[in-house]
PDB file of all heavy atoms in Angstrom:
ATOM      1  N   VAL A   1      -6.416   5.769 -20.611  1.00  0.00           N
ATOM      2  CA  VAL A   1      -6.620   5.798 -19.122  1.00  0.00           C
ATOM      3  C   VAL A   1      -6.179   4.512 -18.494  1.00  0.00           C
ATOM      4  O   VAL A   1      -5.494   4.451 -17.504  1.00  0.00           O
ATOM      5  CB  VAL A   1      -8.048   6.150 -18.819  1.00  0.00           C
ATOM      6  CG1 VAL A   1      -8.326   5.840 -17.322  1.00  0.00           C
ATOM      7  CG2 VAL A   1      -8.365   7.605 -19.117  1.00  0.00           C
ATOM      8  N   GLY A   2      -6.542   3.419 -19.158  1.00  0.00           N
ATOM      9  CA  GLY A   2      -6.223   2.087 -18.648  1.00  0.00           C
ATOM     10  C   GLY A   2      -4.728   1.829 -18.553  1.00  0.00           C
ATOM     11  O   GLY A   2      -4.290   1.056 -17.728  1.00  0.00           O
ATOM     12  N   VAL A   3      -3.952   2.414 -19.458  1.00  0.00           N
ATOM     13  CA  VAL A   3      -2.488   2.278 -19.429  1.00  0.00           C
ATOM     14  C   VAL A   3      -1.843   3.327 -18.458  1.00  0.00           C
ATOM     15  O   VAL A   3      -0.973   2.981 -17.667  1.00  0.00           O
ATOM     16  CB  VAL A   3      -1.944   2.442 -20.841  1.00  0.00           C
ATOM     17  CG1 VAL A   3      -0.385   2.507 -20.820  1.00  0.00           C
ATOM     18  CG2 VAL A   3      -2.397   1.288 -21.732  1.00  0.00           C
ATOM     19  N   ALA A   4      -2.327   4.554 -18.536  1.00  0.00           N
ATOM     20  CA  ALA A   4      -1.677   5.657 -17.795  1.00  0.00           C
ATOM     21  C   ALA A   4      -1.819   5.483 -16.297  1.00  0.00           C
ATOM     22  O   ALA A   4      -0.852   5.742 -15.532  1.00  0.00           O
ATOM     23  CB  ALA A   4      -2.222   7.030 -18.294  1.00  0.00           C
ATOM     24  N   VAL A   5      -2.994   5.120 -15.815  1.00  0.00           N
ATOM     25  CA  VAL A   5      -3.235   5.137 -14.389  1.00  0.00           C
ATOM     26  C   VAL A   5      -2.311   4.088 -13.681  1.00  0.00           C
ATOM     27  O   VAL A   5      -1.623   4.476 -12.721  1.00  0.00           O
ATOM     28  CB  VAL A   5      -4.760   4.860 -14.091  1.00  0.00           C
ATOM     29  CG1 VAL A   5      -4.958   4.569 -12.585  1.00  0.00           C
ATOM     30  CG2 VAL A   5      -5.586   6.052 -14.491  1.00  0.00           C
ATOM     31  N   PRO A   6      -2.249   2.827 -14.139  1.00  0.00           N
ATOM     32  CA  PRO A   6      -1.310   1.916 -13.447  1.00  0.00           C
ATOM     33  C   PRO A   6       0.137   2.323 -13.562  1.00  0.00           C
ATOM     34  O   PRO A   6       0.910   2.157 -12.656  1.00  0.00           O
ATOM     35  CB  PRO A   6      -1.565   0.545 -14.182  1.00  0.00           C
ATOM     36  CG  PRO A   6      -2.911   0.697 -14.754  1.00  0.00           C
ATOM     37  CD  PRO A   6      -3.061   2.175 -15.169  1.00  0.00           C
ATOM     38  N   LEU A   7       0.517   2.875 -14.727  1.00  0.00           N
ATOM     39  CA  LEU A   7       1.918   3.240 -14.924  1.00  0.00           C
ATOM     40  C   LEU A   7       2.286   4.398 -13.921  1.00  0.00           C
ATOM     41  O   LEU A   7       3.381   4.351 -13.360  1.00  0.00           O
ATOM     42  CB  LEU A   7       2.156   3.741 -16.350  1.00  0.00           C
ATOM     43  CG  LEU A   7       2.249   2.614 -17.426  1.00  0.00           C
ATOM     44  CD1 LEU A   7       2.465   3.245 -18.813  1.00  0.00           C
ATOM     45  CD2 LEU A   7       3.367   1.660 -17.115  1.00  0.00           C
ATOM     46  N   LEU A   8       1.408   5.335 -13.725  1.00  0.00           N
ATOM     47  CA  LEU A   8       1.671   6.457 -12.781  1.00  0.00           C
ATOM     48  C   LEU A   8       1.758   5.984 -11.370  1.00  0.00           C
ATOM     49  O   LEU A   8       2.386   6.601 -10.536  1.00  0.00           O
ATOM     50  CB  LEU A   8       0.646   7.584 -12.988  1.00  0.00           C
ATOM     51  CG  LEU A   8       0.764   8.348 -14.316  1.00  0.00           C
ATOM     52  CD1 LEU A   8      -0.421   9.260 -14.522  1.00  0.00           C
ATOM     53  CD2 LEU A   8       2.089   9.208 -14.286  1.00  0.00           C
ATOM     54  N   TRP A   9       1.105   4.882 -11.047  1.00  0.00           N
ATOM     55  CA  TRP A   9       1.196   4.357  -9.761  1.00  0.00           C
ATOM     56  C   TRP A   9       2.524   3.507  -9.609  1.00  0.00           C
ATOM     57  O   TRP A   9       3.169   3.619  -8.517  1.00  0.00           O
ATOM     58  CB  TRP A   9       0.009   3.415  -9.450  1.00  0.00           C
ATOM     59  CG  TRP A   9      -1.221   4.140  -8.917  1.00  0.00           C
ATOM     60  CD1 TRP A   9      -2.233   4.578  -9.660  1.00  0.00           C
ATOM     61  CD2 TRP A   9      -1.498   4.478  -7.564  1.00  0.00           C
ATOM     62  NE1 TRP A   9      -3.180   5.179  -8.868  1.00  0.00           N
ATOM     63  CE2 TRP A   9      -2.739   5.152  -7.580  1.00  0.00           C
ATOM     64  CE3 TRP A   9      -0.830   4.303  -6.356  1.00  0.00           C
ATOM     65  CZ2 TRP A   9      -3.358   5.609  -6.401  1.00  0.00           C
ATOM     66  CZ3 TRP A   9      -1.383   4.759  -5.193  1.00  0.00           C
ATOM     67  CH2 TRP A   9      -2.649   5.402  -5.232  1.00  0.00           C
ATOM     68  N   LEU A  10       2.823   2.725 -10.571  1.00  0.00           N
ATOM     69  CA  LEU A  10       3.846   1.706 -10.334  1.00  0.00           C
ATOM     70  C   LEU A  10       5.258   2.138 -10.719  1.00  0.00           C
ATOM     71  O   LEU A  10       6.226   1.899 -10.015  1.00  0.00           O
ATOM     72  CB  LEU A  10       3.501   0.480 -11.167  1.00  0.00           C
ATOM     73  CG  LEU A  10       2.211  -0.236 -10.773  1.00  0.00           C
ATOM     74  CD1 LEU A  10       1.909  -1.404 -11.707  1.00  0.00           C
ATOM     75  CD2 LEU A  10       2.217  -0.702  -9.350  1.00  0.00           C
ATOM     76  N   VAL A  11       5.404   2.875 -11.854  1.00  0.00           N
ATOM     77  CA  VAL A  11       6.764   3.206 -12.299  1.00  0.00           C
ATOM     78  C   VAL A  11       7.468   4.139 -11.390  1.00  0.00           C
ATOM     79  O   VAL A  11       8.673   3.922 -11.005  1.00  0.00           O
ATOM     80  CB  VAL A  11       6.696   3.768 -13.776  1.00  0.00           C
ATOM     81  CG1 VAL A  11       8.060   4.313 -14.236  1.00  0.00           C
ATOM     82  CG2 VAL A  11       6.183   2.719 -14.721  1.00  0.00           C
ATOM     83  N   PRO A  12       6.916   5.283 -10.981  1.00  0.00           N
ATOM     84  CA  PRO A  12       7.628   6.159 -10.032  1.00  0.00           C
ATOM     85  C   PRO A  12       7.995   5.445  -8.720  1.00  0.00           C
ATOM     86  O   PRO A  12       9.092   5.642  -8.176  1.00  0.00           O
ATOM     87  CB  PRO A  12       6.703   7.323  -9.770  1.00  0.00           C
ATOM     88  CG  PRO A  12       5.810   7.336 -11.000  1.00  0.00           C
ATOM     89  CD  PRO A  12       5.584   5.922 -11.337  1.00  0.00           C
ATOM     90  N   GLU A  13       7.058   4.584  -8.253  1.00  0.00           N
ATOM     91  CA  GLU A  13       7.360   3.835  -7.018  1.00  0.00           C
ATOM     92  C   GLU A  13       8.542   2.923  -7.247  1.00  0.00           C
ATOM     93  O   GLU A  13       9.453   2.767  -6.326  1.00  0.00           O
ATOM     94  CB  GLU A  13       6.137   3.060  -6.647  1.00  0.00           C
ATOM     95  CG  GLU A  13       6.225   2.262  -5.343  1.00  0.00           C
ATOM     96  CD  GLU A  13       6.368   3.167  -4.133  1.00  0.00           C
ATOM     97  OE1 GLU A  13       7.490   3.645  -3.821  1.00  0.00           O
ATOM     98  OE2 GLU A  13       5.308   3.476  -3.535  1.00  0.00           O
ATOM     99  N   TYR A  14       8.649   2.310  -8.404  1.00  0.00           N
ATOM    100  CA  TYR A  14       9.809   1.429  -8.686  1.00  0.00           C
ATOM    101  C   TYR A  14      11.118   2.275  -8.801  1.00  0.00           C
ATOM    102  O   TYR A  14      12.141   1.847  -8.246  1.00  0.00           O
ATOM    103  CB  TYR A  14       9.604   0.652  -9.979  1.00  0.00           C
ATOM    104  CG  TYR A  14      10.710  -0.308 -10.267  1.00  0.00           C
ATOM    105  CD1 TYR A  14      10.794  -1.553  -9.622  1.00  0.00           C
ATOM    106  CD2 TYR A  14      11.682   0.013 -11.189  1.00  0.00           C
ATOM    107  CE1 TYR A  14      11.821  -2.401  -9.875  1.00  0.00           C
ATOM    108  CE2 TYR A  14      12.767  -0.864 -11.490  1.00  0.00           C
ATOM    109  CZ  TYR A  14      12.819  -2.088 -10.771  1.00  0.00           C
ATOM    110  OH  TYR A  14      13.818  -2.932 -11.064  1.00  0.00           O
ATOM    111  N   ILE A  15      10.959   3.413  -9.407  1.00  0.00           N
ATOM    112  CA  ILE A  15      12.198   4.289  -9.482  1.00  0.00           C
ATOM    113  C   ILE A  15      12.655   4.719  -8.114  1.00  0.00           C
ATOM    114  O   ILE A  15      13.862   4.757  -7.860  1.00  0.00           O
ATOM    115  CB  ILE A  15      11.844   5.495 -10.353  1.00  0.00           C
ATOM    116  CG1 ILE A  15      11.634   5.070 -11.833  1.00  0.00           C
ATOM    117  CG2 ILE A  15      12.977   6.531 -10.320  1.00  0.00           C
ATOM    118  CD1 ILE A  15      11.116   6.206 -12.702  1.00  0.00           C
ATOM    119  N   GLY A  16      11.677   5.001  -7.255  1.00  0.00           N
ATOM    120  CA  GLY A  16      12.041   5.544  -5.925  1.00  0.00           C
ATOM    121  C   GLY A  16      12.425   4.516  -4.894  1.00  0.00           C
ATOM    122  O   GLY A  16      13.115   4.806  -3.942  1.00  0.00           O
ATOM    123  N   SER A  17      11.971   3.267  -5.033  1.00  0.00           N
ATOM    124  CA  SER A  17      12.173   2.278  -4.060  1.00  0.00           C
ATOM    125  C   SER A  17      12.708   0.905  -4.582  1.00  0.00           C
ATOM    126  O   SER A  17      13.152   0.115  -3.806  1.00  0.00           O
ATOM    127  CB  SER A  17      10.891   1.996  -3.274  1.00  0.00           C
ATOM    128  OG  SER A  17       9.952   1.327  -4.137  1.00  0.00           O
ATOM    129  N   GLY A  18      12.645   0.688  -5.916  1.00  0.00           N
ATOM    130  CA  GLY A  18      13.028  -0.585  -6.445  1.00  0.00           C
ATOM    131  C   GLY A  18      12.003  -1.630  -6.266  1.00  0.00           C
ATOM    132  O   GLY A  18      12.259  -2.811  -6.513  1.00  0.00           O
ATOM    133  N   ASN A  19      10.780  -1.247  -5.888  1.00  0.00           N
ATOM    134  CA  ASN A  19       9.709  -2.226  -5.626  1.00  0.00           C
ATOM    135  C   ASN A  19       8.412  -1.601  -6.209  1.00  0.00           C
ATOM    136  O   ASN A  19       7.922  -0.583  -5.719  1.00  0.00           O
ATOM    137  CB  ASN A  19       9.582  -2.430  -4.108  1.00  0.00           C
ATOM    138  CG  ASN A  19       8.435  -3.421  -3.781  1.00  0.00           C
ATOM    139  OD1 ASN A  19       7.724  -3.946  -4.650  1.00  0.00           O
ATOM    140  ND2 ASN A  19       8.255  -3.676  -2.474  1.00  0.00           N
ATOM    141  N   PHE A  20       7.839  -2.301  -7.226  1.00  0.00           N
ATOM    142  CA  PHE A  20       6.622  -1.795  -7.815  1.00  0.00           C
ATOM    143  C   PHE A  20       5.505  -1.664  -6.799  1.00  0.00           C
ATOM    144  O   PHE A  20       4.635  -0.786  -6.953  1.00  0.00           O
ATOM    145  CB  PHE A  20       6.190  -2.725  -8.969  1.00  0.00           C
ATOM    146  CG  PHE A  20       6.986  -2.588 -10.237  1.00  0.00           C
ATOM    147  CD1 PHE A  20       7.801  -3.613 -10.637  1.00  0.00           C
ATOM    148  CD2 PHE A  20       6.900  -1.459 -10.991  1.00  0.00           C
ATOM    149  CE1 PHE A  20       8.547  -3.509 -11.861  1.00  0.00           C
ATOM    150  CE2 PHE A  20       7.607  -1.317 -12.201  1.00  0.00           C
ATOM    151  CZ  PHE A  20       8.456  -2.315 -12.577  1.00  0.00           C
ATOM    152  N   PHE A  21       5.501  -2.524  -5.789  1.00  0.00           N
ATOM    153  CA  PHE A  21       4.355  -2.589  -4.922  1.00  0.00           C
ATOM    154  C   PHE A  21       4.696  -2.159  -3.483  1.00  0.00           C
ATOM    155  O   PHE A  21       4.148  -2.595  -2.541  1.00  0.00           O
ATOM    156  CB  PHE A  21       3.823  -4.052  -4.865  1.00  0.00           C
ATOM    157  CG  PHE A  21       3.498  -4.572  -6.205  1.00  0.00           C
ATOM    158  CD1 PHE A  21       4.288  -5.440  -6.875  1.00  0.00           C
ATOM    159  CD2 PHE A  21       2.317  -4.129  -6.869  1.00  0.00           C
ATOM    160  CE1 PHE A  21       3.951  -5.930  -8.150  1.00  0.00           C
ATOM    161  CE2 PHE A  21       1.998  -4.562  -8.104  1.00  0.00           C
ATOM    162  CZ  PHE A  21       2.811  -5.483  -8.775  1.00  0.00           C
ATOM    163  N   ARG A  22       5.700  -1.260  -3.340  1.00  0.00           N
ATOM    164  CA  ARG A  22       6.122  -0.747  -2.027  1.00  0.00           C
ATOM    165  C   ARG A  22       4.925  -0.032  -1.369  1.00  0.00           C
ATOM    166  O   ARG A  22       4.772  -0.098  -0.124  1.00  0.00           O
ATOM    167  CB  ARG A  22       7.264   0.252  -2.239  1.00  0.00           C
ATOM    168  CG  ARG A  22       8.204   0.430  -1.016  1.00  0.00           C
ATOM    169  CD  ARG A  22       7.617   1.354   0.030  1.00  0.00           C
ATOM    170  NE  ARG A  22       7.206   2.674  -0.478  1.00  0.00           N
ATOM    171  CZ  ARG A  22       6.823   3.623   0.341  1.00  0.00           C
ATOM    172  NH1 ARG A  22       6.710   3.450   1.671  1.00  0.00           N
ATOM    173  NH2 ARG A  22       6.412   4.793  -0.164  1.00  0.00           N
ATOM    174  N   ALA A  23       4.071   0.635  -2.195  1.00  0.00           N
ATOM    175  CA  ALA A  23       2.952   1.377  -1.591  1.00  0.00           C
ATOM    176  C   ALA A  23       2.045   0.389  -0.890  1.00  0.00           C
ATOM    177  O   ALA A  23       1.522   0.691   0.208  1.00  0.00           O
ATOM    178  CB  ALA A  23       2.218   2.148  -2.659  1.00  0.00           C
ATOM    179  N   ALA A  24       1.754  -0.731  -1.548  1.00  0.00           N
ATOM    180  CA  ALA A  24       0.852  -1.745  -0.895  1.00  0.00           C
ATOM    181  C   ALA A  24       1.497  -2.323   0.354  1.00  0.00           C
ATOM    182  O   ALA A  24       0.813  -2.556   1.359  1.00  0.00           O
ATOM    183  CB  ALA A  24       0.599  -2.875  -1.932  1.00  0.00           C
ATOM    184  N   ASP A  25       2.820  -2.561   0.297  1.00  0.00           N
ATOM    185  CA  ASP A  25       3.485  -3.086   1.511  1.00  0.00           C
ATOM    186  C   ASP A  25       3.444  -2.057   2.683  1.00  0.00           C
ATOM    187  O   ASP A  25       3.220  -2.458   3.782  1.00  0.00           O
ATOM    188  CB  ASP A  25       4.961  -3.404   1.143  1.00  0.00           C
ATOM    189  CG  ASP A  25       5.129  -4.513   0.111  1.00  0.00           C
ATOM    190  OD1 ASP A  25       4.182  -5.254  -0.047  1.00  0.00           O
ATOM    191  OD2 ASP A  25       6.222  -4.531  -0.486  1.00  0.00           O
ATOM    192  N   ARG A  26       3.639  -0.815   2.327  1.00  0.00           N
ATOM    193  CA  ARG A  26       3.580   0.222   3.365  1.00  0.00           C
ATOM    194  C   ARG A  26       2.206   0.330   3.973  1.00  0.00           C
ATOM    195  O   ARG A  26       2.071   0.544   5.136  1.00  0.00           O
ATOM    196  CB  ARG A  26       3.995   1.577   2.747  1.00  0.00           C
ATOM    197  CG  ARG A  26       3.883   2.782   3.708  1.00  0.00           C
ATOM    198  CD  ARG A  26       4.795   2.624   4.896  1.00  0.00           C
ATOM    199  NE  ARG A  26       4.709   3.766   5.761  1.00  0.00           N
ATOM    200  CZ  ARG A  26       3.810   3.887   6.760  1.00  0.00           C
ATOM    201  NH1 ARG A  26       2.892   3.001   6.931  1.00  0.00           N
ATOM    202  NH2 ARG A  26       3.821   5.001   7.501  1.00  0.00           N
ATOM    203  N   ALA A  27       1.175   0.204   3.132  1.00  0.00           N
ATOM    204  CA  ALA A  27      -0.229   0.313   3.621  1.00  0.00           C
ATOM    205  C   ALA A  27      -0.623  -0.797   4.585  1.00  0.00           C
ATOM    206  O   ALA A  27      -1.539  -0.711   5.351  1.00  0.00           O
ATOM    207  CB  ALA A  27      -1.189   0.363   2.483  1.00  0.00           C
ATOM    208  N   GLN A  28       0.187  -1.922   4.572  1.00  0.00           N
ATOM    209  CA  GLN A  28      -0.036  -2.989   5.464  1.00  0.00           C
ATOM    210  C   GLN A  28       0.919  -3.051   6.646  1.00  0.00           C
ATOM    211  O   GLN A  28       0.872  -4.033   7.420  1.00  0.00           O
ATOM    212  CB  GLN A  28       0.059  -4.325   4.701  1.00  0.00           C
ATOM    213  CG  GLN A  28      -1.013  -4.443   3.596  1.00  0.00           C
ATOM    214  CD  GLN A  28      -0.902  -5.751   2.811  1.00  0.00           C
ATOM    215  OE1 GLN A  28      -1.361  -6.762   3.304  1.00  0.00           O
ATOM    216  NE2 GLN A  28      -0.334  -5.693   1.622  1.00  0.00           N
ATOM    217  N   ASP A  29       1.754  -2.046   6.778  1.00  0.00           N
ATOM    218  CA  ASP A  29       2.710  -1.969   7.882  1.00  0.00           C
ATOM    219  C   ASP A  29       2.002  -1.309   9.107  1.00  0.00           C
ATOM    220  O   ASP A  29       1.782  -0.099   9.092  1.00  0.00           O
ATOM    221  CB  ASP A  29       3.933  -1.186   7.504  1.00  0.00           C
ATOM    222  CG  ASP A  29       4.974  -1.102   8.587  1.00  0.00           C
ATOM    223  OD1 ASP A  29       4.723  -1.717   9.657  1.00  0.00           O
ATOM    224  OD2 ASP A  29       6.012  -0.452   8.369  1.00  0.00           O
ATOM    225  N   LEU A  30       1.593  -2.110  10.057  1.00  0.00           N
ATOM    226  CA  LEU A  30       0.759  -1.571  11.130  1.00  0.00           C
ATOM    227  C   LEU A  30       1.562  -1.422  12.469  1.00  0.00           C
ATOM    228  O   LEU A  30       1.005  -1.268  13.516  1.00  0.00           O
ATOM    229  CB  LEU A  30      -0.436  -2.542  11.385  1.00  0.00           C
ATOM    230  CG  LEU A  30      -1.291  -2.899  10.138  1.00  0.00           C
ATOM    231  CD1 LEU A  30      -2.376  -3.879  10.550  1.00  0.00           C
ATOM    232  CD2 LEU A  30      -1.860  -1.641   9.525  1.00  0.00           C
ATOM    233  N   LYS A  31       2.872  -1.354  12.302  1.00  0.00           N
ATOM    234  CA  LYS A  31       3.745  -1.301  13.504  1.00  0.00           C
ATOM    235  C   LYS A  31       3.414  -0.188  14.375  1.00  0.00           C
ATOM    236  O   LYS A  31       3.390  -0.259  15.617  1.00  0.00           O
ATOM    237  CB  LYS A  31       5.204  -1.299  13.062  1.00  0.00           C
ATOM    238  CG  LYS A  31       6.196  -1.233  14.192  1.00  0.00           C
ATOM    239  CD  LYS A  31       7.628  -1.206  13.685  1.00  0.00           C
ATOM    240  CE  LYS A  31       8.587  -1.115  14.795  1.00  0.00           C
ATOM    241  NZ  LYS A  31      10.023  -1.039  14.345  1.00  0.00           N
ATOM    242  N   TYR A  32       3.155   1.032  13.763  1.00  0.00           N
ATOM    243  CA  TYR A  32       2.888   2.217  14.568  1.00  0.00           C
ATOM    244  C   TYR A  32       1.415   2.598  14.546  1.00  0.00           C
ATOM    245  O   TYR A  32       1.078   3.751  14.750  1.00  0.00           O
ATOM    246  CB  TYR A  32       3.758   3.349  14.033  1.00  0.00           C
ATOM    247  CG  TYR A  32       5.277   3.083  14.214  1.00  0.00           C
ATOM    248  CD1 TYR A  32       6.020   2.672  13.138  1.00  0.00           C
ATOM    249  CD2 TYR A  32       5.873   3.273  15.434  1.00  0.00           C
ATOM    250  CE1 TYR A  32       7.357   2.405  13.288  1.00  0.00           C
ATOM    251  CE2 TYR A  32       7.237   2.956  15.612  1.00  0.00           C
ATOM    252  CZ  TYR A  32       7.967   2.555  14.563  1.00  0.00           C
ATOM    253  OH  TYR A  32       9.300   2.295  14.674  1.00  0.00           O
ATOM    254  N   LEU A  33       0.539   1.662  14.214  1.00  0.00           N
ATOM    255  CA  LEU A  33      -0.888   1.917  14.146  1.00  0.00           C
ATOM    256  C   LEU A  33      -1.652   0.952  15.009  1.00  0.00           C
ATOM    257  O   LEU A  33      -2.431   0.102  14.569  1.00  0.00           O
ATOM    258  CB  LEU A  33      -1.350   1.833  12.681  1.00  0.00           C
ATOM    259  CG  LEU A  33      -0.706   2.757  11.672  1.00  0.00           C
ATOM    260  CD1 LEU A  33      -1.207   2.415  10.235  1.00  0.00           C
ATOM    261  CD2 LEU A  33      -1.008   4.213  12.018  1.00  0.00           C
ATOM    262  N   PRO A  34      -1.437   1.010  16.321  1.00  0.00           N
ATOM    263  CA  PRO A  34      -2.094   0.034  17.242  1.00  0.00           C
ATOM    264  C   PRO A  34      -3.620   0.143  17.192  1.00  0.00           C
ATOM    265  O   PRO A  34      -4.305  -0.797  17.604  1.00  0.00           O
ATOM    266  CB  PRO A  34      -1.507   0.350  18.610  1.00  0.00           C
ATOM    267  CG  PRO A  34      -1.066   1.807  18.530  1.00  0.00           C
ATOM    268  CD  PRO A  34      -0.622   1.955  17.063  1.00  0.00           C
ATOM    269  N   TRP A  35      -4.131   1.262  16.747  1.00  0.00           N
ATOM    270  CA  TRP A  35      -5.605   1.506  16.720  1.00  0.00           C
ATOM    271  C   TRP A  35      -6.239   0.921  15.466  1.00  0.00           C
ATOM    272  O   TRP A  35      -7.451   0.943  15.264  1.00  0.00           O
ATOM    273  CB  TRP A  35      -5.859   3.008  16.750  1.00  0.00           C
ATOM    274  CG  TRP A  35      -5.065   3.792  15.724  1.00  0.00           C
ATOM    275  CD1 TRP A  35      -3.884   4.411  15.958  1.00  0.00           C
ATOM    276  CD2 TRP A  35      -5.325   3.918  14.336  1.00  0.00           C
ATOM    277  NE1 TRP A  35      -3.428   4.966  14.800  1.00  0.00           N
ATOM    278  CE2 TRP A  35      -4.283   4.685  13.756  1.00  0.00           C
ATOM    279  CE3 TRP A  35      -6.363   3.480  13.490  1.00  0.00           C
ATOM    280  CZ2 TRP A  35      -4.195   5.011  12.408  1.00  0.00           C
ATOM    281  CZ3 TRP A  35      -6.287   3.811  12.120  1.00  0.00           C
ATOM    282  CH2 TRP A  35      -5.280   4.571  11.615  1.00  0.00           C
ATOM    283  N   SER A  36      -5.446   0.428  14.487  1.00  0.00           N
ATOM    284  CA  SER A  36      -5.965   0.003  13.207  1.00  0.00           C
ATOM    285  C   SER A  36      -7.084  -1.029  13.326  1.00  0.00           C
ATOM    286  O   SER A  36      -6.907  -2.032  14.051  1.00  0.00           O
ATOM    287  CB  SER A  36      -4.783  -0.562  12.336  1.00  0.00           C
ATOM    288  OG  SER A  36      -5.357  -1.153  11.174  1.00  0.00           O
ATOM    289  N   PRO A  37      -8.175  -0.849  12.572  1.00  0.00           N
ATOM    290  CA  PRO A  37      -9.238  -1.881  12.595  1.00  0.00           C
ATOM    291  C   PRO A  37      -8.744  -3.217  12.085  1.00  0.00           C
ATOM    292  O   PRO A  37      -9.351  -4.282  12.412  1.00  0.00           O
ATOM    293  CB  PRO A  37     -10.249  -1.279  11.579  1.00  0.00           C
ATOM    294  CG  PRO A  37     -10.032   0.151  11.579  1.00  0.00           C
ATOM    295  CD  PRO A  37      -8.592   0.332  11.805  1.00  0.00           C
ATOM    296  N   ALA A  38      -7.647  -3.228  11.288  1.00  0.00           N
ATOM    297  CA  ALA A  38      -7.130  -4.533  10.786  1.00  0.00           C
ATOM    298  C   ALA A  38      -6.680  -5.420  11.964  1.00  0.00           C
ATOM    299  O   ALA A  38      -6.572  -6.656  11.776  1.00  0.00           O
ATOM    300  CB  ALA A  38      -5.955  -4.262   9.806  1.00  0.00           C
ATOM    301  N   LEU A  39      -6.350  -4.802  13.087  1.00  0.00           N
ATOM    302  CA  LEU A  39      -5.894  -5.556  14.262  1.00  0.00           C
ATOM    303  C   LEU A  39      -7.048  -5.961  15.166  1.00  0.00           C
ATOM    304  O   LEU A  39      -6.834  -6.660  16.164  1.00  0.00           O
ATOM    305  CB  LEU A  39      -4.846  -4.725  15.054  1.00  0.00           C
ATOM    306  CG  LEU A  39      -3.621  -4.334  14.267  1.00  0.00           C
ATOM    307  CD1 LEU A  39      -2.715  -3.399  15.109  1.00  0.00           C
ATOM    308  CD2 LEU A  39      -2.864  -5.542  13.805  1.00  0.00           C
ATOM    309  N   ALA A  40      -8.269  -5.561  14.868  1.00  0.00           N
ATOM    310  CA  ALA A  40      -9.405  -5.892  15.693  1.00  0.00           C
ATOM    311  C   ALA A  40      -9.822  -7.317  15.454  1.00  0.00           C
ATOM    312  O   ALA A  40      -9.522  -7.865  14.400  1.00  0.00           O
ATOM    313  CB  ALA A  40     -10.612  -4.956  15.355  1.00  0.00           C
ATOM    314  N   PRO A  41     -10.524  -7.980  16.402  1.00  0.00           N
ATOM    315  CA  PRO A  41     -10.960  -9.335  16.206  1.00  0.00           C
ATOM    316  C   PRO A  41     -11.886  -9.476  14.944  1.00  0.00           C
ATOM    317  O   PRO A  41     -11.896 -10.521  14.311  1.00  0.00           O
ATOM    318  CB  PRO A  41     -11.680  -9.636  17.517  1.00  0.00           C
ATOM    319  CG  PRO A  41     -11.163  -8.709  18.505  1.00  0.00           C
ATOM    320  CD  PRO A  41     -10.775  -7.464  17.764  1.00  0.00           C
ATOM    321  N   ASP A  42     -12.685  -8.408  14.706  1.00  0.00           N
ATOM    322  CA  ASP A  42     -13.606  -8.430  13.554  1.00  0.00           C
ATOM    323  C   ASP A  42     -13.384  -7.159  12.751  1.00  0.00           C
ATOM    324  O   ASP A  42     -14.078  -6.130  12.956  1.00  0.00           O
ATOM    325  CB  ASP A  42     -15.057  -8.537  14.070  1.00  0.00           C
ATOM    326  CG  ASP A  42     -16.063  -8.532  12.909  1.00  0.00           C
ATOM    327  OD1 ASP A  42     -15.671  -8.718  11.728  1.00  0.00           O
ATOM    328  OD2 ASP A  42     -17.265  -8.313  13.188  1.00  0.00           O
ATOM    329  N   PRO A  43     -12.423  -7.142  11.868  1.00  0.00           N
ATOM    330  CA  PRO A  43     -12.076  -5.905  11.080  1.00  0.00           C
ATOM    331  C   PRO A  43     -13.308  -5.369  10.329  1.00  0.00           C
ATOM    332  O   PRO A  43     -13.518  -4.160  10.333  1.00  0.00           O
ATOM    333  CB  PRO A  43     -10.967  -6.362  10.105  1.00  0.00           C
ATOM    334  CG  PRO A  43     -10.353  -7.513  10.845  1.00  0.00           C
ATOM    335  CD  PRO A  43     -11.437  -8.231  11.536  1.00  0.00           C
ATOM    336  N   THR A  44     -14.115  -6.228   9.700  1.00  0.00           N
ATOM    337  CA  THR A  44     -15.273  -5.749   8.927  1.00  0.00           C
ATOM    338  C   THR A  44     -16.256  -5.068   9.884  1.00  0.00           C
ATOM    339  O   THR A  44     -16.804  -4.013   9.570  1.00  0.00           O
ATOM    340  CB  THR A  44     -15.928  -6.894   8.174  1.00  0.00           C
ATOM    341  OG1 THR A  44     -15.007  -7.356   7.186  1.00  0.00           O
ATOM    342  CG2 THR A  44     -17.199  -6.399   7.501  1.00  0.00           C
ATOM    343  N   GLY A  45     -16.530  -5.713  11.020  1.00  0.00           N
ATOM    344  CA  GLY A  45     -17.460  -5.079  11.992  1.00  0.00           C
ATOM    345  C   GLY A  45     -16.908  -3.791  12.502  1.00  0.00           C
ATOM    346  O   GLY A  45     -17.744  -2.810  12.635  1.00  0.00           O
TER     347      GLY A  45
END
């Protein structure tokens, strides 16, 4: 499990985009998410 889970996340993403961490980059792209709590003065609150 410790080997399979990371591989299934990272390898197809690299095959499809050339970037192992493209999913993480996409999750932080807030260009079209003006409502995102990450843009609030206090995200945790």
